[in-house]
Amino acid sequence: MGCCVSSPYSKRIYDDPTDLEDAEKLGPLRTFGKWRNNSNVVPDDIEGLPITHLHHHLAAVPSELLYDAEIDQGIAFRCLRPIMLVFCCPPMWVHMAAVGIQQELTHFNCDEICCWVRKEYSSRAYIRVYSNRVEVNQPKIRWFGTMGCGSWNTDNVTIHLFDRGAFGFRRLPMSFGHMCLCCPIYGGVVGRQRCACNGSLWPRMISDCGGWWCDEWCCNLFFCTYKYVGLGDPDEFAFAASIALQAYFEGRLITKEDMDQCIAYWKDNIEETPVDRRRPVCCEPCKLNCPLRGQCCYKYFTHPRRQIPYSVVRTKNMEEAYTQYENLRLNQIRNYKENITPRRLTTFCQLMGCQRFAGRKGFLFCTEDIDKCCTHKAGNPAPPFFHEDIDDENDAARILQIVLGDPPRNVVYKRSSLLQPPKSQTLMR
């Protein structure tokens, strides 16, 4: 991966799709298994992956849109988060002077709140997944535009290529993108793991145990992840992005139809539902009910009814935009009440994402595998975690194999004998 070394060209040994052109010689093998899986299984020599902006080196077509995420309409109110009060502190004034006052003022504007539909914020914002990247557009106000200097708002497109720091995607239960760090009334947040250092502390210090991906709340909250905010369905986006990333790791050709099949399988077999496939939390069965559900705020504050102003000319495009907003608003309010609240916001442990008190996905820092530091030999396949979770058997590599078939011939997965093999289409039923 280009971000892992100072001279990326010297490490790139794979050359999709020419690795498979010669039937007699498969080319360099891609081995997987040194690192533990979470949403993805990372190649052992991730530095050798092909460069993403040279399209003839990729197995898939980079221009084909694989997944277009649903944007939560409450994202317009993110400038009113309580965390924004930190900018009133004098130390933050130095930060504002360094990055520019106009840049920081884009986080405080009320233009999106008042004119979310009218000024095309709702129709221009997007988060899209391609075969080699994630592309985001979060339009912002131009303060000089309000003074008559050009347009009032501008597109703010950022592109995150998979070879510049992408090791997996997951929904974040706690984030500064939420109200009070845990109430997602502005939309869900997904974290992109951008380094391989996040994980169990003990194996990293003492032995080579492949012990990263520990889901500690401190890593999710601060520097180890890049945040994608304002998502209507963060779980689905995280899954779709993980599938695209794993296909890039394998050098596998993936199309929009393939992505749709994987998402359909995920919805039928893996996705959480309020009753059937809920992930356990550490406070059950003694539930500590939490009042911070935000249903009233979500319905009446961040998702208000919006009508076409009487002072403007009504056009067909404007009516379609307001109709689309109203449909999304009603669907998202219903989903927040029927799905998100019972499976995410009922207890304090669900809000914080704590599946146990200590260890992986726990309240305390990860103490997972403290007993395996001297038993695992460097180079062996990573052993399973002590606390087994549903998602451990459903990483993106397994889903691709189950739904789309075996990976390319030069891809080799080395999994621990303690792990269960991929199951049939009845997996997780």
Foldseek 3Di string as FASTA:
>chain_A
DVQPDPDLVVQAQAFPPVCCPDVVHNGAFWEWFLAADFQATFTPSNSRFDDQVPQNRFLAHQVAFQDKFQFALLLLCLLVAPVVCVCVDVVVVVVCVVVDVQVVCQSNDNCCVVCVLVLCQNVPFIWTAGLFWIKTWRKTARPVVVVVDDHGIDIDIDIGTLSQFADAKDWAQAESSPHVRHAQLQFTKMWGQRDQPAFADQLVVQHSQSGHDQAANVCVYDDRTDIDGRTLDRHLVRSLNQLSSNCSSQSHYDHNVNSVLLSVLCVVFPDDFLPQHAQAAACPPVFAFDPSHCLCCSQPPSLNQDDDDPVDDDDPVSVVSSVVSVVSSVVSSVCSVRGCCSRQHGGPRSSNQARHCEARSHNDPHPWPNVCNPPDHNPARNADTPDDTLSSLPHSQLSCCARVNDGDPSYHYHHDPVDDHRDHSNHRD
